[in-house]
Amino acid sequence: MFSISPQSKRRWQRFKSLKRGYYSFVLLCLLIVLSLFAELWVSNRPIIISYDDQLYFPSYGDILPGRTFGLDYDWETNYHELRTSFKNNPDSNNWVFGPLIPYNPFENHFIQGQYPPYPPSAENQHYLGTDMAGRDILSRLIYGFRIAILFSLFLLIITYVIGIIIGALMGFLGGKFDLIFQRIIEILSNVPILYIIMIVASIITPNFWTLALMLGAFSWMGLTWYMRTETYRENTREYVLAARSIGASNWRIMLKHILPNSVSILVTFFPFSVVSGITALTSLDYLGFGLPAPTPSWGELLQQGTSNLDYQWIAASAVVALTIVLTLVTFIGEAIREAFDPKKYSYFS
């Protein structure tokens, strides 16, 4: 049966005692959960529609044509128009229960007699305004956050899997294996990844997976050096020598002894890898080599804002969102580093 070690409990209690890092962790988790269910509260499709005493659920259901609700067209219902028609007919029992933000990140909203971008307005429910194409900025920030955080987590998985395996083998086996991979890492670390992405983007349209795999192919090297050093150190400890003396295999020593005792360096590296993934995707989108339009992107909003400084709300919204998320992750990283500090918390403390 799985049990939590006393040392892990002490580290968790220490992490919770660091209020800035702990509350940042709770807030970031809340933001991630809300973004994963964004269709329920940031969408142009209502959650529930009551029409002629029948309920419809368009958010996660079928596409409902306009004639379903008495409108004179067969394509998908314009739900903004539907809300207006229900308001203009107060004698009916028809009603709409919609999301808090009634726009999806791809929807172009045009106001008669005006041209986008539109400034922030509670009346139009564009709480942070629109971009140059008339798309709601707040909805694009929320969906862009979901894409950025999932991208960084997927990139982190690639980094950890490759970095831990190669770094542990370099530190454990040493010799020619270590020397060969040192040379390989030195070569790869001098490859200009931005130029590679530019070349690939000129041949094919990059997507979420191709960008993650290209960045992942070069992002594992930093963790590898840390893992190699940690494995070298742990490999000389008495408990490893004792395990060898009783006939434990190399795989058992690595998986049961060295890796569990290297967890502190792996955990402390985690928040900074997330920051690296978010900033990498944002930078690529800003330069135009990231995700294809009209994918919601913080980098694309930054590019629009810096190209059109008369519309300050576009760049400001992306800068503030990016600053908040990166600050939260930084606070979490500081708290994790202090909670896993071996000088304060060891097996004997």
Protein backbone atom coordinates (compact mmCIF):
# COMPACT_ATOMS: atom_id res chain seq x y z
CA MET A 1 0.00 0.00 0.00
CA PHE A 2 1.25 3.45 -0.94
CA SER A 3 2.27 5.62 1.99
CA ILE A 4 3.69 9.11 2.29
CA SER A 5 7.05 9.32 4.00
CA PRO A 6 7.48 11.55 7.07
CA GLN A 7 10.01 13.63 5.14
CA SER A 8 7.45 14.29 2.36
CA LYS A 9 4.87 15.31 4.96
CA ARG A 10 7.33 17.77 6.52
CA ARG A 11 8.11 19.25 3.13
CA TRP A 12 4.41 19.68 2.33
CA GLN A 13 3.76 21.32 5.71
CA ARG A 14 6.72 23.61 5.13
CA PHE A 15 5.37 24.50 1.66
CA LYS A 16 1.93 25.31 3.13
CA SER A 17 3.55 27.52 5.76
CA LEU A 18 5.04 29.69 3.01
CA LYS A 19 1.83 31.62 2.39
CA ARG A 20 2.88 33.51 -0.72
CA GLY A 21 3.92 30.37 -2.55
CA TYR A 22 1.04 28.24 -1.25
CA TYR A 23 -1.71 30.71 -2.16
CA SER A 24 -0.07 31.27 -5.55
CA PHE A 25 -0.23 27.51 -6.08
CA VAL A 26 -3.92 27.40 -5.13
CA LEU A 27 -4.74 30.37 -7.38
CA LEU A 28 -2.82 28.93 -10.33
CA CYS A 29 -4.59 25.57 -9.96
CA LEU A 30 -7.93 27.41 -9.86
CA LEU A 31 -7.08 29.32 -13.04
CA ILE A 32 -6.12 26.09 -14.80
CA VAL A 33 -9.37 24.37 -13.79
CA LEU A 34 -11.45 27.36 -14.88
CA SER A 35 -9.65 27.49 -18.24
CA LEU A 36 -10.24 23.78 -18.85
CA PHE A 37 -14.00 24.39 -18.54
CA ALA A 38 -13.96 27.74 -20.31
CA GLU A 39 -16.74 26.71 -22.72
CA LEU A 40 -19.18 26.88 -19.81
CA TRP A 41 -18.48 30.50 -18.89
CA VAL A 42 -16.68 32.03 -21.90
CA SER A 43 -18.62 31.24 -25.06
CA ASN A 44 -21.10 32.70 -27.51
CA ARG A 45 -23.26 29.61 -27.02
CA PRO A 46 -25.65 29.75 -24.05
CA ILE A 47 -25.55 27.05 -21.40
CA ILE A 48 -29.34 26.55 -21.36
CA ILE A 49 -32.10 27.78 -23.66
CA SER A 50 -35.77 27.41 -22.77
CA TYR A 51 -37.94 27.71 -25.90
CA ASP A 52 -41.60 26.68 -26.04
CA ASP A 53 -41.23 24.79 -22.76
CA GLN A 54 -38.34 22.71 -24.13
CA LEU A 55 -34.74 22.90 -22.90
CA TYR A 56 -31.69 23.03 -25.16
CA PHE A 57 -28.01 22.79 -24.16
CA PRO A 58 -25.92 24.24 -27.01
CA SER A 59 -22.61 24.67 -25.12
CA TYR A 60 -21.64 21.00 -25.32
CA GLY A 61 -24.47 19.78 -27.54
CA ASP A 62 -25.42 19.75 -31.20
CA ILE A 63 -25.33 22.81 -33.44
CA LEU A 64 -28.80 24.31 -33.39
CA PRO A 65 -29.98 26.07 -36.60
CA GLY A 66 -31.91 29.33 -36.42
CA ARG A 67 -35.24 27.77 -37.41
CA THR A 68 -35.14 25.73 -34.20
CA PHE A 69 -36.03 28.97 -32.37
CA GLY A 70 -38.28 30.52 -35.01
CA LEU A 71 -35.56 32.48 -36.82
CA ASP A 72 -35.58 32.56 -40.62
CA TYR A 73 -32.29 30.78 -41.47
CA ASP A 74 -30.92 27.23 -41.41
CA TRP A 75 -27.33 27.82 -40.25
CA GLU A 76 -26.27 27.97 -36.62
CA THR A 77 -28.27 30.30 -34.44
CA ASN A 78 -26.94 33.77 -33.76
CA TYR A 79 -27.40 33.64 -30.00
CA HIS A 80 -26.90 37.39 -29.54
CA GLU A 81 -29.84 37.91 -31.90
CA LEU A 82 -31.81 35.24 -30.05
CA ARG A 83 -31.32 37.01 -26.71
CA THR A 84 -32.52 40.26 -28.25
CA SER A 85 -35.64 38.60 -29.70
CA PHE A 86 -36.49 37.08 -26.32
CA LYS A 87 -36.05 40.47 -24.60
CA ASN A 88 -38.30 42.14 -27.18
CA ASN A 89 -41.03 39.62 -26.47
CA PRO A 90 -41.50 39.77 -22.69
CA ASP A 91 -44.88 37.99 -22.83
CA SER A 92 -43.28 34.66 -23.80
CA ASN A 93 -41.78 32.21 -21.33
CA ASN A 94 -38.63 31.80 -23.42
CA TRP A 95 -35.33 32.57 -21.74
CA VAL A 96 -31.58 32.14 -22.16
CA PHE A 97 -29.03 31.36 -19.45
CA GLY A 98 -25.68 32.27 -20.92
CA PRO A 99 -22.01 32.37 -19.94
CA LEU A 100 -20.52 35.21 -17.95
CA ILE A 101 -18.59 36.30 -21.07
CA PRO A 102 -20.87 35.79 -24.11
CA TYR A 103 -18.14 35.70 -26.77
CA ASN A 104 -15.88 32.94 -28.00
CA PRO A 105 -12.26 33.74 -28.93
CA PHE A 106 -12.90 33.40 -32.69
CA GLU A 107 -16.05 35.49 -32.95
CA ASN A 108 -15.86 38.81 -34.80
CA HIS A 109 -18.17 41.41 -33.29
CA PHE A 110 -18.96 44.49 -35.36
CA ILE A 111 -20.90 47.52 -34.14
CA GLN A 112 -22.81 49.45 -36.78
CA GLY A 113 -21.09 52.70 -37.69
CA GLN A 114 -17.87 51.80 -35.83
CA TYR A 115 -14.73 49.92 -36.72
CA PRO A 116 -12.73 47.65 -34.40
CA PRO A 117 -10.87 47.60 -32.16
CA TYR A 118 -13.44 48.65 -29.58
CA PRO A 119 -12.33 49.92 -26.15
CA PRO A 120 -13.37 48.19 -22.93
CA SER A 121 -17.12 48.49 -22.37
CA ALA A 122 -19.46 46.86 -19.87
CA GLU A 123 -22.43 47.76 -22.09
CA ASN A 124 -21.17 45.60 -24.96
CA GLN A 125 -19.77 43.05 -22.47
CA HIS A 126 -16.29 43.52 -23.93
CA TYR A 127 -14.75 43.99 -20.49
CA LEU A 128 -11.21 44.35 -21.86
CA GLY A 129 -12.19 45.59 -25.31
CA THR A 130 -11.59 43.86 -28.64
CA ASP A 131 -8.60 43.32 -30.87
CA MET A 132 -8.10 44.63 -34.41
CA ALA A 133 -10.45 41.97 -35.83
CA GLY A 134 -13.27 42.68 -33.36
CA ARG A 135 -12.61 39.58 -31.23
CA ASP A 136 -13.13 39.81 -27.48
CA ILE A 137 -9.77 40.18 -25.72
CA LEU A 138 -10.81 38.64 -22.40
CA SER A 139 -12.03 35.45 -24.07
CA ARG A 140 -8.81 35.23 -26.10
CA LEU A 141 -6.74 35.73 -22.94
CA ILE A 142 -8.56 32.89 -21.16
CA TYR A 143 -8.35 30.44 -24.05
CA GLY A 144 -4.79 31.57 -24.74
CA PHE A 145 -3.88 30.80 -21.14
CA ARG A 146 -5.28 27.28 -21.52
CA ILE A 147 -3.21 26.68 -24.64
CA ALA A 148 -0.06 28.18 -23.07
CA ILE A 149 -0.28 26.18 -19.83
CA LEU A 150 -1.04 22.90 -21.63
CA PHE A 151 1.81 23.60 -24.05
CA SER A 152 4.24 24.26 -21.20
CA LEU A 153 3.14 21.10 -19.33
CA PHE A 154 3.52 18.94 -22.44
CA LEU A 155 6.93 20.50 -23.10
CA LEU A 156 7.83 19.85 -19.46
CA ILE A 157 6.96 16.15 -19.82
CA ILE A 158 9.27 15.86 -22.83
CA THR A 159 12.02 17.72 -20.98
CA TYR A 160 11.74 15.58 -17.86
CA VAL A 161 11.51 12.22 -19.62
CA ILE A 162 14.54 12.81 -21.85
CA GLY A 163 16.54 14.83 -19.33
CA ILE A 164 16.08 12.41 -16.42
CA ILE A 165 16.85 9.29 -18.45
CA ILE A 166 19.96 10.64 -20.19
CA GLY A 167 21.22 12.56 -17.14
CA ALA A 168 20.81 9.56 -14.83
CA LEU A 169 22.59 7.26 -17.27
CA MET A 170 25.43 9.74 -17.75
CA GLY A 171 25.97 10.05 -14.02
CA PHE A 172 25.50 6.36 -13.25
CA LEU A 173 27.42 4.74 -16.12
CA GLY A 174 30.09 7.42 -16.64
CA GLY A 175 32.98 6.54 -18.93
CA LYS A 176 32.49 6.61 -22.69
CA PHE A 177 28.72 6.95 -22.43
CA ASP A 178 29.13 10.12 -20.38
CA LEU A 179 31.79 11.56 -22.70
CA ILE A 180 29.78 10.86 -25.86
CA PHE A 181 26.63 12.53 -24.54
CA GLN A 182 28.63 15.49 -23.25
CA ARG A 183 29.80 16.11 -26.81
CA ILE A 184 26.27 15.60 -28.18
CA ILE A 185 24.85 18.11 -25.70
CA GLU A 186 27.58 20.63 -26.53
CA ILE A 187 26.72 20.35 -30.22
CA LEU A 188 22.95 20.59 -29.72
CA SER A 189 23.26 23.52 -27.31
CA ASN A 190 24.90 25.56 -30.10
CA VAL A 191 22.13 24.87 -32.63
CA PRO A 192 20.00 28.03 -33.20
CA ILE A 193 16.54 26.66 -32.45
CA LEU A 194 14.81 29.85 -33.64
CA TYR A 195 16.30 29.42 -37.12
CA ILE A 196 15.16 25.80 -37.21
CA ILE A 197 11.61 26.82 -36.30
CA MET A 198 11.70 29.56 -38.95
CA ILE A 199 12.79 27.03 -41.59
CA VAL A 200 10.13 24.52 -40.56
CA ALA A 201 7.46 27.26 -40.46
CA SER A 202 8.35 28.23 -44.04
CA ILE A 203 7.75 24.65 -45.18
CA ILE A 204 4.72 23.62 -43.11
CA THR A 205 2.23 25.44 -40.90
CA PRO A 206 3.37 24.75 -37.33
CA ASN A 207 0.80 23.51 -34.84
CA PHE A 208 0.72 22.72 -31.13
CA TRP A 209 2.44 19.34 -31.48
CA THR A 210 5.15 20.27 -33.97
CA LEU A 211 6.18 23.30 -31.91
CA ALA A 212 6.23 21.29 -28.68
CA LEU A 213 8.30 18.50 -30.24
CA MET A 214 10.78 20.92 -31.83
CA LEU A 215 11.28 22.84 -28.58
CA GLY A 216 11.32 19.60 -26.57
CA ALA A 217 14.13 18.24 -28.73
CA PHE A 218 16.40 21.01 -27.40
CA SER A 219 14.96 21.85 -23.97
CA TRP A 220 16.09 18.73 -22.08
CA MET A 221 19.79 19.59 -21.92
CA GLY A 222 19.63 21.94 -18.92
CA LEU A 223 17.91 19.37 -16.72
CA THR A 224 20.33 16.69 -17.92
CA TRP A 225 23.34 18.45 -16.36
CA TYR A 226 21.56 18.77 -13.00
CA MET A 227 20.46 15.13 -13.09
CA ARG A 228 23.94 13.97 -14.09
CA THR A 229 25.54 15.85 -11.18
CA GLU A 230 22.95 14.59 -8.70
CA THR A 231 23.37 10.99 -9.89
CA TYR A 232 27.15 11.23 -9.62
CA ARG A 233 26.83 12.40 -6.03
CA GLU A 234 24.22 9.84 -4.98
CA ASN A 235 26.14 7.03 -6.71
CA THR A 236 28.96 7.40 -4.17
CA ARG A 237 26.74 7.31 -1.07
CA GLU A 238 26.88 4.46 1.43
CA TYR A 239 23.34 3.24 0.75
CA VAL A 240 24.19 2.69 -2.94
CA LEU A 241 27.37 0.80 -2.01
CA ALA A 242 25.34 -1.30 0.43
CA ALA A 243 22.76 -2.08 -2.26
CA ARG A 244 25.53 -3.21 -4.62
CA SER A 245 27.10 -5.38 -1.92
CA ILE A 246 23.88 -7.36 -1.48
CA GLY A 247 23.58 -7.93 -5.23
CA ALA A 248 21.02 -5.30 -6.29
CA SER A 249 20.89 -4.75 -10.05
CA ASN A 250 21.80 -1.45 -11.67
CA TRP A 251 18.17 -0.78 -12.62
CA ARG A 252 17.00 -1.40 -9.06
CA ILE A 253 19.67 0.91 -7.66
CA MET A 254 18.70 3.68 -10.09
CA LEU A 255 14.91 3.34 -9.75
CA LYS A 256 14.64 2.48 -6.04
CA HIS A 257 17.52 4.45 -4.55
CA ILE A 258 19.06 7.17 -6.73
CA LEU A 259 15.96 8.63 -8.40
CA PRO A 260 13.87 8.92 -5.19
CA ASN A 261 16.77 10.70 -3.50
CA SER A 262 17.13 13.09 -6.44
CA VAL A 263 13.50 14.21 -6.28
CA SER A 264 14.37 17.57 -4.70
CA ILE A 265 16.28 18.77 -7.76
CA LEU A 266 13.51 17.51 -10.05
CA VAL A 267 10.74 19.27 -8.13
CA THR A 268 12.57 22.58 -7.82
CA PHE A 269 13.19 22.58 -11.58
CA PHE A 270 9.45 22.21 -12.29
CA PRO A 271 8.15 25.82 -11.95
CA PHE A 272 10.98 27.28 -14.00
CA SER A 273 10.29 24.80 -16.79
CA VAL A 274 6.67 25.96 -16.84
CA VAL A 275 7.80 29.59 -17.10
CA SER A 276 10.17 28.67 -19.91
CA GLY A 277 7.39 26.92 -21.86
CA ILE A 278 4.94 29.83 -21.54
CA THR A 279 7.50 32.46 -22.53
CA ALA A 280 8.77 30.34 -25.44
CA LEU A 281 5.29 29.98 -26.96
CA THR A 282 4.46 33.64 -26.35
CA SER A 283 7.72 34.75 -27.99
CA LEU A 284 7.18 32.55 -31.05
CA ASP A 285 3.60 33.81 -31.46
CA TYR A 286 4.81 37.39 -31.13
CA LEU A 287 7.39 36.85 -33.89
CA GLY A 288 4.83 35.14 -36.12
CA PHE A 289 6.40 31.67 -36.03
CA GLY A 290 4.08 30.16 -33.45
CA LEU A 291 0.56 28.80 -33.60
CA PRO A 292 -1.39 29.66 -36.77
CA ALA A 293 -4.12 32.30 -36.78
CA PRO A 294 -6.76 32.60 -35.45
CA THR A 295 -5.55 30.51 -32.49
CA PRO A 296 -5.95 32.50 -29.23
CA SER A 297 -2.49 33.61 -28.21
CA TRP A 298 -0.95 36.06 -25.78
CA GLY A 299 1.96 36.62 -28.14
CA GLU A 300 -0.39 37.53 -30.98
CA LEU A 301 -2.15 40.07 -28.74
CA LEU A 302 1.23 41.55 -27.81
CA GLN A 303 2.11 41.83 -31.48
CA GLN A 304 -1.15 43.65 -32.23
CA GLY A 305 -0.70 45.97 -29.27
CA THR A 306 2.89 46.93 -30.04
CA SER A 307 2.04 47.50 -33.71
CA ASN A 308 -0.87 49.81 -32.80
CA LEU A 309 0.10 51.83 -29.74
CA ASP A 310 -3.05 53.98 -30.03
CA TYR A 311 -5.03 51.03 -28.66
CA GLN A 312 -3.24 50.60 -25.34
CA TRP A 313 -5.74 48.11 -23.93
CA ILE A 314 -4.64 45.38 -26.36
CA ALA A 315 -0.99 45.23 -25.28
CA ALA A 316 -1.77 46.11 -21.66
CA SER A 317 -4.17 43.19 -21.23
CA ALA A 318 -1.63 40.66 -22.53
CA VAL A 319 1.23 42.17 -20.49
CA VAL A 320 -0.79 42.14 -17.27
CA ALA A 321 -1.98 38.55 -17.82
CA LEU A 322 1.53 37.36 -18.60
CA THR A 323 2.96 39.19 -15.58
CA ILE A 324 0.37 37.72 -13.20
CA VAL A 325 0.87 34.12 -14.34
CA LEU A 326 4.67 34.28 -14.39
CA THR A 327 4.69 35.95 -10.96
CA LEU A 328 2.49 33.19 -9.53
CA VAL A 329 4.77 30.50 -10.94
CA THR A 330 7.85 32.30 -9.61
CA PHE A 331 6.37 32.49 -6.11
CA ILE A 332 5.56 28.77 -6.29
CA GLY A 333 9.13 28.03 -7.37
CA GLU A 334 10.57 30.00 -4.46
CA ALA A 335 8.36 28.14 -1.98
CA ILE A 336 9.22 24.73 -3.45
CA ARG A 337 12.92 25.50 -3.37
CA GLU A 338 12.73 26.48 0.30
CA ALA A 339 10.50 23.53 1.24
CA PHE A 340 12.92 21.07 -0.39
CA ASP A 341 16.05 22.70 1.01
CA PRO A 342 18.17 19.74 2.21
CA LYS A 343 19.97 21.93 4.76
CA LYS A 344 16.70 22.42 6.63
CA TYR A 345 14.88 19.14 6.04
CA SER A 346 16.68 15.84 5.89
CA TYR A 347 15.86 12.31 6.99
CA PHE A 348 17.15 13.11 10.45
CA SER A 349 15.43 16.50 10.98
